C-alpha atoms as a PDB file:
ATOM      1  CA  MET A   1      89.967  92.101 126.556  1.00  0.00           C
ATOM      2  CA  TRP A   2      93.630  92.249 125.645  1.00  0.00           C
ATOM      3  CA  LEU A   3      95.379  94.289 122.990  1.00  0.00           C
ATOM      4  CA  VAL A   4      98.370  93.092 120.982  1.00  0.00           C
ATOM      5  CA  GLU A   5     100.837  94.388 123.551  1.00  0.00           C
ATOM      6  CA  HIS A   6      99.057  92.509 126.362  1.00  0.00           C
ATOM      7  CA  VAL A   7      99.175  89.216 124.433  1.00  0.00           C
ATOM      8  CA  ALA A   8     102.855  89.729 123.628  1.00  0.00           C
ATOM      9  CA  LYS A   9     103.676  90.396 127.271  1.00  0.00           C
ATOM     10  CA  ALA A  10     101.581  87.472 128.565  1.00  0.00           C
ATOM     11  CA  LEU A  11     103.239  85.052 126.138  1.00  0.00           C
ATOM     12  CA  GLY A  12     106.731  86.497 126.460  1.00  0.00           C
ATOM     13  CA  ARG A  13     106.848  87.297 122.747  1.00  0.00           C
ATOM     14  CA  SER A  14     107.197  90.386 120.592  1.00  0.00           C
ATOM     15  CA  GLU A  15     104.256  92.279 119.139  1.00  0.00           C
ATOM     16  CA  SER A  16     105.445  91.310 115.657  1.00  0.00           C
ATOM     17  CA  TRP A  17     105.199  87.630 116.674  1.00  0.00           C
ATOM     18  CA  VAL A  18     101.567  88.207 117.694  1.00  0.00           C
ATOM     19  CA  TYR A  19     100.780  89.973 114.390  1.00  0.00           C
ATOM     20  CA  LYS A  20     102.402  87.124 112.462  1.00  0.00           C
ATOM     21  CA  ARG A  21     100.259  84.501 114.251  1.00  0.00           C
ATOM     22  CA  VAL A  22      97.154  86.597 113.553  1.00  0.00           C
ATOM     23  CA  ALA A  23      98.104  86.838 109.855  1.00  0.00           C
ATOM     24  CA  GLU A  24      98.594  83.052 109.759  1.00  0.00           C
ATOM     25  CA  GLY A  25      95.088  82.681 111.188  1.00  0.00           C
ATOM     26  CA  VAL A  26      96.216  80.627 114.164  1.00  0.00           C
ATOM     27  CA  LEU A  27      95.873  83.026 117.102  1.00  0.00           C
ATOM     28  CA  PRO A  28      92.245  83.629 118.149  1.00  0.00           C
ATOM     29  CA  HIS A  29      91.300  87.303 117.915  1.00  0.00           C
ATOM     30  CA  THR A  30      88.554  89.731 117.024  1.00  0.00           C
ATOM     31  CA  LYS A  31      88.833  92.822 114.880  1.00  0.00           C
ATOM     32  CA  ARG A  32      87.315  95.936 116.382  1.00  0.00           C
ATOM     33  CA  THR A  33      87.275  99.534 115.215  1.00  0.00           C
ATOM     34  CA  GLY A  34      90.410 100.296 117.219  1.00  0.00           C
ATOM     35  CA  GLY A  35      92.313  97.230 115.962  1.00  0.00           C
ATOM     36  CA  LEU A  36      92.759  93.689 117.190  1.00  0.00           C
ATOM     37  CA  VAL A  37      91.454  92.487 120.535  1.00  0.00           C
ATOM     38  CA  PHE A  38      91.935  89.162 122.247  1.00  0.00           C
ATOM     39  CA  ILE A  39      89.912  87.349 124.889  1.00  0.00           C
ATOM     40  CA  PRO A  40      92.464  86.186 127.477  1.00  0.00           C
ATOM     41  CA  ALA A  41      90.787  82.802 128.070  1.00  0.00           C
ATOM     42  CA  HIS A  42      90.811  82.076 124.321  1.00  0.00           C
ATOM     43  CA  VAL A  43      94.485  82.951 124.042  1.00  0.00           C
ATOM     44  CA  MET A  44      95.404  80.732 126.985  1.00  0.00           C
ATOM     45  CA  THR A  45      93.286  77.847 125.615  1.00  0.00           C
ATOM     46  CA  TRP A  46      95.029  78.251 122.251  1.00  0.00           C
ATOM     47  CA  LEU A  47      98.411  78.228 123.954  1.00  0.00           C
ATOM     48  CA  THR A  48      97.587  75.013 125.817  1.00  0.00           C
ATOM     49  CA  ALA A  49      96.335  73.382 122.614  1.00  0.00           C
ATOM     50  CA  GLU A  50      99.547  74.406 120.801  1.00  0.00           C
ATOM     51  CA  ASP A  51     101.657  72.770 123.521  1.00  0.00           C
ATOM     52  CA  ASP A  52      99.731  69.488 123.118  1.00  0.00           C
ATOM     53  CA  SER A  53      99.595  69.476 119.321  1.00  0.00           C
ATOM     54  CA  PRO A  54     101.279  66.768 117.234  1.00  0.00           C
ATOM     55  CA  LYS A  55     103.077  69.588 115.403  1.00  0.00           C
ATOM     56  CA  ALA A  56     104.803  70.611 118.628  1.00  0.00           C
ATOM     57  CA  SER A  57     105.709  66.977 119.302  1.00  0.00           C
ATOM     58  CA  ARG A  58     107.266  66.662 115.853  1.00  0.00           C
ATOM     59  CA  ARG A  59     109.444  69.720 116.500  1.00  0.00           C
ATOM     60  CA  THR A  60     110.672  68.164 119.728  1.00  0.00           C
ATOM     61  CA  THR A  61     111.347  64.824 118.030  1.00  0.00           C
ATOM     62  CA  ARG A  62     113.285  66.500 115.216  1.00  0.00           C
ATOM     63  CA  ALA A  63     115.376  68.454 117.681  1.00  0.00           C
ATOM     64  CA  LYS A  64     116.205  65.274 119.611  1.00  0.00           C
ATOM     65  CA  SER A  65     117.102  63.459 116.384  1.00  0.00           C
ATOM     66  CA  ALA A  66     119.393  66.279 115.288  1.00  0.00           C
ATOM     67  CA  ARG A  67     121.176  66.257 118.641  1.00  0.00           C
ATOM     68  CA  SER A  68     121.661  62.481 118.592  1.00  0.00           C
ATOM     69  CA  ARG A  69     123.230  62.675 115.124  1.00  0.00           C
ATOM     70  CA  ALA A  70     125.688  65.373 116.187  1.00  0.00           C
END
């Protein structure tokens, strides 16, 4: 099990970024008496799914479009 700081370190993000994703309901987690815990395999599966999502593709397409217009 990982804590918030472990997820942040593994993903190269800040702890506030992790809390924000939890609040948005997008980062898989479990609430325990001591706070939030994360199953590493679930986090990594989520990360892989995020990389393959159409939403991520749209961000890339928009960025390319903006650069071509500049």
